[in-house]
């Protein structure tokens, strides 16, 4: 079998050379986020996305209201630039959580013109299509953060509550003489199990709910990646930065 090595032709740009070398290498399997990072992300995302949403709505409202005044139009471009920074920050955050390599510098476009003033730089950096997509992403991020936050807390609370139920039962029974399992599921369906067997059943149920929550949170994280147009392979046309 011929095992000759063929070099790239002389004069080929480094970007094409690097892309060809990356395609020749076997791709690594897509990684999943760690549980604690995903939990922290979904818990913090709700107040953060509220700030994003308030910034976008208040900024656009003020810019439209102040349009007759000179400050209205520069304020609009400033809010649009801030929205672009928000989307880029969220994309980079998802990449770091999912261990996805960042976008190469060659994909980043900087609109810098020598001798251009502040007003001209603002107009050159504004793209209507990108502005609309950023607005839709921030709005969708606000809605999904509420849903994901609720689902995450529900699954975590249910899992920890079932696992800690035997301990809580003993604490209330010894300190307050209160039997919180008097009207439990076992008593409702007339299942004659001993107290130890009931404890084991609750702990097993809590572990099962925790495993289900782990899978669900990983799925939510992958859904969040898709909503923010972050691709595992940066060669895919899957980003608002294109």
C-alpha atoms as a PDB file:
ATOM      1  CA  UNK A   1       0.000   0.000   0.000  1.00  0.00           C
ATOM      2  CA  UNK A   2       1.335   3.415  -1.012  1.00  0.00           C
ATOM      3  CA  UNK A   3       1.899   5.584   2.061  1.00  0.00           C
ATOM      4  CA  UNK A   4       3.407   8.644   0.368  1.00  0.00           C
ATOM      5  CA  UNK A   5       2.737  11.966   2.060  1.00  0.00           C
ATOM      6  CA  UNK A   6       1.488  14.775  -0.148  1.00  0.00           C
ATOM      7  CA  UNK A   7       2.293  18.286   1.041  1.00  0.00           C
ATOM      8  CA  UNK A   8       0.113  21.294   0.389  1.00  0.00           C
ATOM      9  CA  UNK A   9       1.151  23.369  -2.647  1.00  0.00           C
ATOM     10  CA  UNK A  10       3.407  26.341  -2.029  1.00  0.00           C
ATOM     11  CA  UNK A  11       1.525  29.591  -1.696  1.00  0.00           C
ATOM     12  CA  UNK A  12      -1.610  28.154  -0.131  1.00  0.00           C
ATOM     13  CA  UNK A  13      -2.904  30.456   2.653  1.00  0.00           C
ATOM     14  CA  UNK A  14      -2.435  29.304   6.220  1.00  0.00           C
ATOM     15  CA  UNK A  15      -6.195  29.313   6.851  1.00  0.00           C
ATOM     16  CA  UNK A  16      -6.777  26.752   4.058  1.00  0.00           C
ATOM     17  CA  UNK A  17      -3.809  24.731   5.247  1.00  0.00           C
ATOM     18  CA  UNK A  18      -5.112  24.640   8.831  1.00  0.00           C
ATOM     19  CA  UNK A  19      -8.650  23.768   7.715  1.00  0.00           C
ATOM     20  CA  UNK A  20      -7.347  20.911   5.565  1.00  0.00           C
ATOM     21  CA  UNK A  21      -5.259  19.582   8.436  1.00  0.00           C
ATOM     22  CA  UNK A  22      -8.220  19.802  10.821  1.00  0.00           C
ATOM     23  CA  UNK A  23     -10.430  17.872   8.384  1.00  0.00           C
ATOM     24  CA  UNK A  24      -7.824  15.146   8.042  1.00  0.00           C
ATOM     25  CA  UNK A  25      -7.728  14.646  11.812  1.00  0.00           C
ATOM     26  CA  UNK A  26     -10.405  12.473  13.387  1.00  0.00           C
ATOM     27  CA  UNK A  27     -13.061  14.520  15.116  1.00  0.00           C
ATOM     28  CA  UNK A  28     -13.465  14.134  18.819  1.00  0.00           C
ATOM     29  CA  UNK A  29     -16.716  12.902  20.181  1.00  0.00           C
ATOM     30  CA  UNK A  30     -19.073  15.638  21.272  1.00  0.00           C
ATOM     31  CA  UNK A  31     -18.752  16.268  24.964  1.00  0.00           C
ATOM     32  CA  UNK A  32     -21.562  16.782  27.443  1.00  0.00           C
ATOM     33  CA  UNK A  33     -21.576  19.494  30.067  1.00  0.00           C
ATOM     34  CA  UNK A  34     -20.926  18.641  33.682  1.00  0.00           C
ATOM     35  CA  UNK A  35     -23.957  18.604  35.911  1.00  0.00           C
ATOM     36  CA  UNK A  36     -22.909  21.334  38.318  1.00  0.00           C
ATOM     37  CA  UNK A  37     -21.962  23.714  35.526  1.00  0.00           C
ATOM     38  CA  UNK A  38     -25.318  23.250  33.822  1.00  0.00           C
ATOM     39  CA  UNK A  39     -27.199  23.727  37.092  1.00  0.00           C
ATOM     40  CA  UNK A  40     -25.297  26.912  37.853  1.00  0.00           C
ATOM     41  CA  UNK A  41     -25.868  28.165  34.317  1.00  0.00           C
ATOM     42  CA  UNK A  42     -29.633  27.638  34.380  1.00  0.00           C
ATOM     43  CA  UNK A  43     -30.023  29.070  37.882  1.00  0.00           C
ATOM     44  CA  UNK A  44     -28.033  32.233  37.122  1.00  0.00           C
ATOM     45  CA  UNK A  45     -29.487  32.620  33.632  1.00  0.00           C
ATOM     46  CA  UNK A  46     -32.903  33.810  34.850  1.00  0.00           C
ATOM     47  CA  UNK A  47     -31.784  37.071  36.552  1.00  0.00           C
ATOM     48  CA  UNK A  48     -29.164  37.662  33.869  1.00  0.00           C
ATOM     49  CA  UNK A  49     -31.638  37.310  30.992  1.00  0.00           C
ATOM     50  CA  UNK A  50     -34.030  39.644  32.800  1.00  0.00           C
ATOM     51  CA  UNK A  51     -31.238  42.244  32.719  1.00  0.00           C
ATOM     52  CA  UNK A  52     -30.695  41.538  29.000  1.00  0.00           C
ATOM     53  CA  UNK A  53     -34.404  41.923  28.261  1.00  0.00           C
ATOM     54  CA  UNK A  54     -34.768  45.145  30.260  1.00  0.00           C
ATOM     55  CA  UNK A  55     -31.666  46.594  28.569  1.00  0.00           C
ATOM     56  CA  UNK A  56     -33.010  45.799  25.092  1.00  0.00           C
ATOM     57  CA  UNK A  57     -36.570  47.016  25.679  1.00  0.00           C
ATOM     58  CA  UNK A  58     -35.607  50.143  27.621  1.00  0.00           C
ATOM     59  CA  UNK A  59     -32.801  51.038  25.223  1.00  0.00           C
ATOM     60  CA  UNK A  60     -34.882  50.630  22.070  1.00  0.00           C
ATOM     61  CA  UNK A  61     -37.839  52.468  23.617  1.00  0.00           C
ATOM     62  CA  UNK A  62     -35.660  55.398  24.651  1.00  0.00           C
ATOM     63  CA  UNK A  63     -33.917  55.537  21.289  1.00  0.00           C
ATOM     64  CA  UNK A  64     -37.232  55.555  19.418  1.00  0.00           C
ATOM     65  CA  UNK A  65     -38.691  58.158  21.757  1.00  0.00           C
ATOM     66  CA  UNK A  66     -35.630  60.377  21.433  1.00  0.00           C
ATOM     67  CA  UNK A  67     -35.434  60.068  17.638  1.00  0.00           C
ATOM     68  CA  UNK A  68     -36.479  63.725  17.058  1.00  0.00           C
ATOM     69  CA  UNK A  69     -33.539  64.685  19.233  1.00  0.00           C
ATOM     70  CA  UNK A  70     -29.999  64.061  18.011  1.00  0.00           C
ATOM     71  CA  UNK A  71     -29.230  61.634  20.851  1.00  0.00           C
ATOM     72  CA  UNK A  72     -31.883  59.138  19.736  1.00  0.00           C
ATOM     73  CA  UNK A  73     -30.059  57.719  16.703  1.00  0.00           C
ATOM     74  CA  UNK A  74     -26.633  57.280  18.405  1.00  0.00           C
ATOM     75  CA  UNK A  75     -28.428  55.643  21.337  1.00  0.00           C
ATOM     76  CA  UNK A  76     -30.066  53.186  18.933  1.00  0.00           C
ATOM     77  CA  UNK A  77     -26.717  52.191  17.427  1.00  0.00           C
ATOM     78  CA  UNK A  78     -25.217  51.874  20.920  1.00  0.00           C
ATOM     79  CA  UNK A  79     -28.056  49.575  22.047  1.00  0.00           C
ATOM     80  CA  UNK A  80     -27.694  47.510  18.871  1.00  0.00           C
ATOM     81  CA  UNK A  81     -23.966  47.128  19.548  1.00  0.00           C
ATOM     82  CA  UNK A  82     -24.684  46.152  23.148  1.00  0.00           C
ATOM     83  CA  UNK A  83     -27.157  43.504  21.972  1.00  0.00           C
ATOM     84  CA  UNK A  84     -24.492  42.114  19.671  1.00  0.00           C
ATOM     85  CA  UNK A  85     -22.040  41.903  22.586  1.00  0.00           C
ATOM     86  CA  UNK A  86     -24.695  40.130  24.685  1.00  0.00           C
ATOM     87  CA  UNK A  87     -25.277  37.470  22.026  1.00  0.00           C
ATOM     88  CA  UNK A  88     -21.547  36.956  21.526  1.00  0.00           C
ATOM     89  CA  UNK A  89     -21.034  36.653  25.283  1.00  0.00           C
ATOM     90  CA  UNK A  90     -23.801  34.052  25.586  1.00  0.00           C
ATOM     91  CA  UNK A  91     -22.377  32.081  22.676  1.00  0.00           C
ATOM     92  CA  UNK A  92     -18.880  32.100  24.182  1.00  0.00           C
ATOM     93  CA  UNK A  93     -20.333  31.080  27.549  1.00  0.00           C
ATOM     94  CA  UNK A  94     -22.125  28.089  26.017  1.00  0.00           C
ATOM     95  CA  UNK A  95     -18.935  27.119  24.186  1.00  0.00           C
ATOM     96  CA  UNK A  96     -16.970  27.153  27.426  1.00  0.00           C
ATOM     97  CA  UNK A  97     -19.612  25.087  29.248  1.00  0.00           C
ATOM     98  CA  UNK A  98     -19.738  22.505  26.467  1.00  0.00           C
ATOM     99  CA  UNK A  99     -15.955  22.499  25.929  1.00  0.00           C
ATOM    100  CA  UNK A 100     -16.383  23.690  22.353  1.00  0.00           C
ATOM    101  CA  UNK A 101     -13.344  25.459  20.886  1.00  0.00           C
ATOM    102  CA  UNK A 102     -13.825  29.165  20.320  1.00  0.00           C
ATOM    103  CA  UNK A 103     -14.195  30.647  16.889  1.00  0.00           C
ATOM    104  CA  UNK A 104     -10.893  31.419  15.139  1.00  0.00           C
ATOM    105  CA  UNK A 105      -9.876  35.035  14.782  1.00  0.00           C
ATOM    106  CA  UNK A 106     -10.320  34.816  11.016  1.00  0.00           C
ATOM    107  CA  UNK A 107     -14.073  34.452  11.496  1.00  0.00           C
ATOM    108  CA  UNK A 108     -14.363  37.649  13.496  1.00  0.00           C
ATOM    109  CA  UNK A 109     -15.032  40.714  11.430  1.00  0.00           C
ATOM    110  CA  UNK A 110     -13.928  44.075  12.675  1.00  0.00           C
ATOM    111  CA  UNK A 111     -15.156  47.150  10.885  1.00  0.00           C
ATOM    112  CA  UNK A 112     -12.279  49.545  11.380  1.00  0.00           C
ATOM    113  CA  UNK A 113     -11.594  52.196   8.788  1.00  0.00           C
ATOM    114  CA  UNK A 114      -8.616  54.486   9.017  1.00  0.00           C
ATOM    115  CA  UNK A 115      -9.642  58.099   9.428  1.00  0.00           C
ATOM    116  CA  UNK A 116     -13.315  57.222   9.989  1.00  0.00           C
ATOM    117  CA  UNK A 117     -15.194  59.152  12.616  1.00  0.00           C
ATOM    118  CA  UNK A 118     -17.384  57.840  15.385  1.00  0.00           C
ATOM    119  CA  UNK A 119     -20.605  58.254  13.365  1.00  0.00           C
ATOM    120  CA  UNK A 120     -19.192  56.434  10.329  1.00  0.00           C
ATOM    121  CA  UNK A 121     -17.864  53.551  12.462  1.00  0.00           C
ATOM    122  CA  UNK A 122     -21.291  53.087  14.024  1.00  0.00           C
ATOM    123  CA  UNK A 123     -22.990  52.916  10.641  1.00  0.00           C
ATOM    124  CA  UNK A 124     -20.402  50.494   9.266  1.00  0.00           C
ATOM    125  CA  UNK A 125     -20.772  48.178  12.270  1.00  0.00           C
ATOM    126  CA  UNK A 126     -24.573  48.002  12.037  1.00  0.00           C
ATOM    127  CA  UNK A 127     -26.318  45.239  10.080  1.00  0.00           C
ATOM    128  CA  UNK A 128     -30.117  45.160  10.022  1.00  0.00           C
ATOM    129  CA  UNK A 129     -30.344  41.390   9.589  1.00  0.00           C
ATOM    130  CA  UNK A 130     -27.985  40.743  12.482  1.00  0.00           C
ATOM    131  CA  UNK A 131     -29.835  43.268  14.652  1.00  0.00           C
ATOM    132  CA  UNK A 132     -33.170  41.486  14.097  1.00  0.00           C
ATOM    133  CA  UNK A 133     -31.627  38.093  14.856  1.00  0.00           C
ATOM    134  CA  UNK A 134     -30.000  39.405  18.016  1.00  0.00           C
ATOM    135  CA  UNK A 135     -33.309  40.846  19.180  1.00  0.00           C
ATOM    136  CA  UNK A 136     -35.080  37.534  18.529  1.00  0.00           C
ATOM    137  CA  UNK A 137     -32.321  35.616  20.323  1.00  0.00           C
ATOM    138  CA  UNK A 138     -32.489  37.825  23.416  1.00  0.00           C
ATOM    139  CA  UNK A 139     -36.286  37.569  23.463  1.00  0.00           C
ATOM    140  CA  UNK A 140     -36.142  33.792  23.043  1.00  0.00           C
ATOM    141  CA  UNK A 141     -33.419  33.577  25.677  1.00  0.00           C
ATOM    142  CA  UNK A 142     -35.672  35.435  28.107  1.00  0.00           C
ATOM    143  CA  UNK A 143     -38.564  33.004  27.550  1.00  0.00           C
ATOM    144  CA  UNK A 144     -36.477  29.834  27.628  1.00  0.00           C
ATOM    145  CA  UNK A 145     -34.608  30.928  30.761  1.00  0.00           C
ATOM    146  CA  UNK A 146     -37.905  30.977  32.683  1.00  0.00           C
ATOM    147  CA  UNK A 147     -38.879  27.520  31.410  1.00  0.00           C
ATOM    148  CA  UNK A 148     -35.433  25.982  31.915  1.00  0.00           C
ATOM    149  CA  UNK A 149     -35.088  27.538  35.374  1.00  0.00           C
ATOM    150  CA  UNK A 150     -38.441  26.090  36.466  1.00  0.00           C
ATOM    151  CA  UNK A 151     -37.697  22.627  35.081  1.00  0.00           C
ATOM    152  CA  UNK A 152     -34.220  22.550  36.623  1.00  0.00           C
ATOM    153  CA  UNK A 153     -35.371  23.554  40.092  1.00  0.00           C
ATOM    154  CA  UNK A 154     -38.301  21.110  39.943  1.00  0.00           C
ATOM    155  CA  UNK A 155     -36.111  18.142  39.053  1.00  0.00           C
ATOM    156  CA  UNK A 156     -33.407  19.010  41.577  1.00  0.00           C
ATOM    157  CA  UNK A 157     -35.891  19.651  44.378  1.00  0.00           C
ATOM    158  CA  UNK A 158     -37.783  16.424  43.662  1.00  0.00           C
ATOM    159  CA  UNK A 159     -34.590  14.341  43.625  1.00  0.00           C
ATOM    160  CA  UNK A 160     -33.088  15.852  46.777  1.00  0.00           C
ATOM    161  CA  UNK A 161     -36.442  15.778  48.571  1.00  0.00           C
ATOM    162  CA  UNK A 162     -36.966  12.069  47.958  1.00  0.00           C
ATOM    163  CA  UNK A 163     -33.406  11.200  48.959  1.00  0.00           C
ATOM    164  CA  UNK A 164     -33.581  13.280  52.145  1.00  0.00           C
ATOM    165  CA  UNK A 165     -37.118  12.151  53.057  1.00  0.00           C
ATOM    166  CA  UNK A 166     -36.049   9.308  55.410  1.00  0.00           C
ATOM    167  CA  UNK A 167     -33.755  11.648  57.334  1.00  0.00           C
ATOM    168  CA  UNK A 168     -36.423  14.337  57.556  1.00  0.00           C
ATOM    169  CA  UNK A 169     -38.966  11.779  58.709  1.00  0.00           C
ATOM    170  CA  UNK A 170     -36.752  10.701  61.576  1.00  0.00           C
ATOM    171  CA  UNK A 171     -35.972  14.304  62.544  1.00  0.00           C
ATOM    172  CA  UNK A 172     -39.638  15.311  62.696  1.00  0.00           C
ATOM    173  CA  UNK A 173     -40.536  12.061  64.450  1.00  0.00           C
ATOM    174  CA  UNK A 174     -37.886  12.447  67.147  1.00  0.00           C
ATOM    175  CA  UNK A 175     -38.124  16.185  67.749  1.00  0.00           C
ATOM    176  CA  UNK A 176     -41.781  17.051  67.118  1.00  0.00           C
ATOM    177  CA  UNK A 177     -43.450  13.637  67.261  1.00  0.00           C
ATOM    178  CA  UNK A 178     -44.808  14.316  63.766  1.00  0.00           C
ATOM    179  CA  UNK A 179     -45.185  11.453  61.292  1.00  0.00           C
ATOM    180  CA  UNK A 180     -44.931  13.070  57.872  1.00  0.00           C
ATOM    181  CA  UNK A 181     -45.291   9.669  56.159  1.00  0.00           C
ATOM    182  CA  UNK A 182     -48.568   8.815  57.847  1.00  0.00           C
ATOM    183  CA  UNK A 183     -50.541   9.491  54.644  1.00  0.00           C
ATOM    184  CA  UNK A 184     -47.843   8.385  52.217  1.00  0.00           C
ATOM    185  CA  UNK A 185     -48.235   6.631  48.892  1.00  0.00           C
ATOM    186  CA  UNK A 186     -47.829   3.259  50.579  1.00  0.00           C
ATOM    187  CA  UNK A 187     -50.696   3.969  52.972  1.00  0.00           C
ATOM    188  CA  UNK A 188     -52.854   5.293  50.135  1.00  0.00           C
ATOM    189  CA  UNK A 189     -52.513   2.112  48.064  1.00  0.00           C
ATOM    190  CA  UNK A 190     -52.450  -0.165  51.141  1.00  0.00           C
ATOM    191  CA  UNK A 191     -48.938  -1.460  50.425  1.00  0.00           C
ATOM    192  CA  UNK A 192     -47.761  -3.305  53.517  1.00  0.00           C
ATOM    193  CA  UNK A 193     -44.049  -2.455  53.531  1.00  0.00           C
ATOM    194  CA  UNK A 194     -41.859  -1.975  56.536  1.00  0.00           C
ATOM    195  CA  UNK A 195     -40.457   1.446  57.337  1.00  0.00           C
ATOM    196  CA  UNK A 196     -36.978   0.440  56.183  1.00  0.00           C
ATOM    197  CA  UNK A 197     -38.326  -0.803  52.864  1.00  0.00           C
ATOM    198  CA  UNK A 198     -40.207   2.451  52.407  1.00  0.00           C
ATOM    199  CA  UNK A 199     -37.033   4.410  53.117  1.00  0.00           C
ATOM    200  CA  UNK A 200     -35.133   2.410  50.511  1.00  0.00           C
ATOM    201  CA  UNK A 201     -37.937   2.946  47.990  1.00  0.00           C
ATOM    202  CA  UNK A 202     -37.861   6.710  48.506  1.00  0.00           C
ATOM    203  CA  UNK A 203     -34.083   6.870  48.147  1.00  0.00           C
ATOM    204  CA  UNK A 204     -34.160   4.740  44.985  1.00  0.00           C
ATOM    205  CA  UNK A 205     -36.920   6.930  43.571  1.00  0.00           C
ATOM    206  CA  UNK A 206     -34.831  10.014  44.352  1.00  0.00           C
ATOM    207  CA  UNK A 207     -31.807   8.557  42.592  1.00  0.00           C
ATOM    208  CA  UNK A 208     -33.939   7.672  39.542  1.00  0.00           C
ATOM    209  CA  UNK A 209     -35.378  11.186  39.429  1.00  0.00           C
ATOM    210  CA  UNK A 210     -31.834  12.545  39.720  1.00  0.00           C
ATOM    211  CA  UNK A 211     -30.680  10.454  36.766  1.00  0.00           C
ATOM    212  CA  UNK A 212     -33.674  11.568  34.744  1.00  0.00           C
ATOM    213  CA  UNK A 213     -32.915  15.157  35.703  1.00  0.00           C
ATOM    214  CA  UNK A 214     -29.304  14.734  34.657  1.00  0.00           C
ATOM    215  CA  UNK A 215     -30.344  13.566  31.195  1.00  0.00           C
ATOM    216  CA  UNK A 216     -33.004  16.272  30.963  1.00  0.00           C
ATOM    217  CA  UNK A 217     -30.592  19.054  31.950  1.00  0.00           C
ATOM    218  CA  UNK A 218     -28.058  17.843  29.382  1.00  0.00           C
ATOM    219  CA  UNK A 219     -30.808  17.906  26.779  1.00  0.00           C
ATOM    220  CA  UNK A 220     -31.827  21.411  27.827  1.00  0.00           C
ATOM    221  CA  UNK A 221     -28.214  22.525  27.560  1.00  0.00           C
ATOM    222  CA  UNK A 222     -27.964  21.137  24.044  1.00  0.00           C
ATOM    223  CA  UNK A 223     -31.249  22.854  23.183  1.00  0.00           C
ATOM    224  CA  UNK A 224     -29.826  26.100  24.520  1.00  0.00           C
ATOM    225  CA  UNK A 225     -26.784  25.619  22.281  1.00  0.00           C
ATOM    226  CA  UNK A 226     -29.031  25.242  19.243  1.00  0.00           C
ATOM    227  CA  UNK A 227     -31.140  28.255  20.184  1.00  0.00           C
ATOM    228  CA  UNK A 228     -27.985  30.390  20.346  1.00  0.00           C
ATOM    229  CA  UNK A 229     -26.727  29.021  16.995  1.00  0.00           C
ATOM    230  CA  UNK A 230     -23.567  27.490  18.442  1.00  0.00           C
ATOM    231  CA  UNK A 231     -22.239  24.581  16.401  1.00  0.00           C
ATOM    232  CA  UNK A 232     -19.869  21.872  17.554  1.00  0.00           C
ATOM    233  CA  UNK A 233     -18.133  22.129  14.195  1.00  0.00           C
ATOM    234  CA  UNK A 234     -17.355  25.765  13.436  1.00  0.00           C
ATOM    235  CA  UNK A 235     -17.344  24.932   9.734  1.00  0.00           C
ATOM    236  CA  UNK A 236     -21.119  24.562   9.911  1.00  0.00           C
ATOM    237  CA  UNK A 237     -23.111  27.683   8.942  1.00  0.00           C
ATOM    238  CA  UNK A 238     -24.654  27.863  12.404  1.00  0.00           C
ATOM    239  CA  UNK A 239     -23.847  31.228  13.918  1.00  0.00           C
ATOM    240  CA  UNK A 240     -25.350  34.706  13.912  1.00  0.00           C
ATOM    241  CA  UNK A 241     -21.846  36.068  13.447  1.00  0.00           C
ATOM    242  CA  UNK A 242     -21.666  34.988   9.818  1.00  0.00           C
END
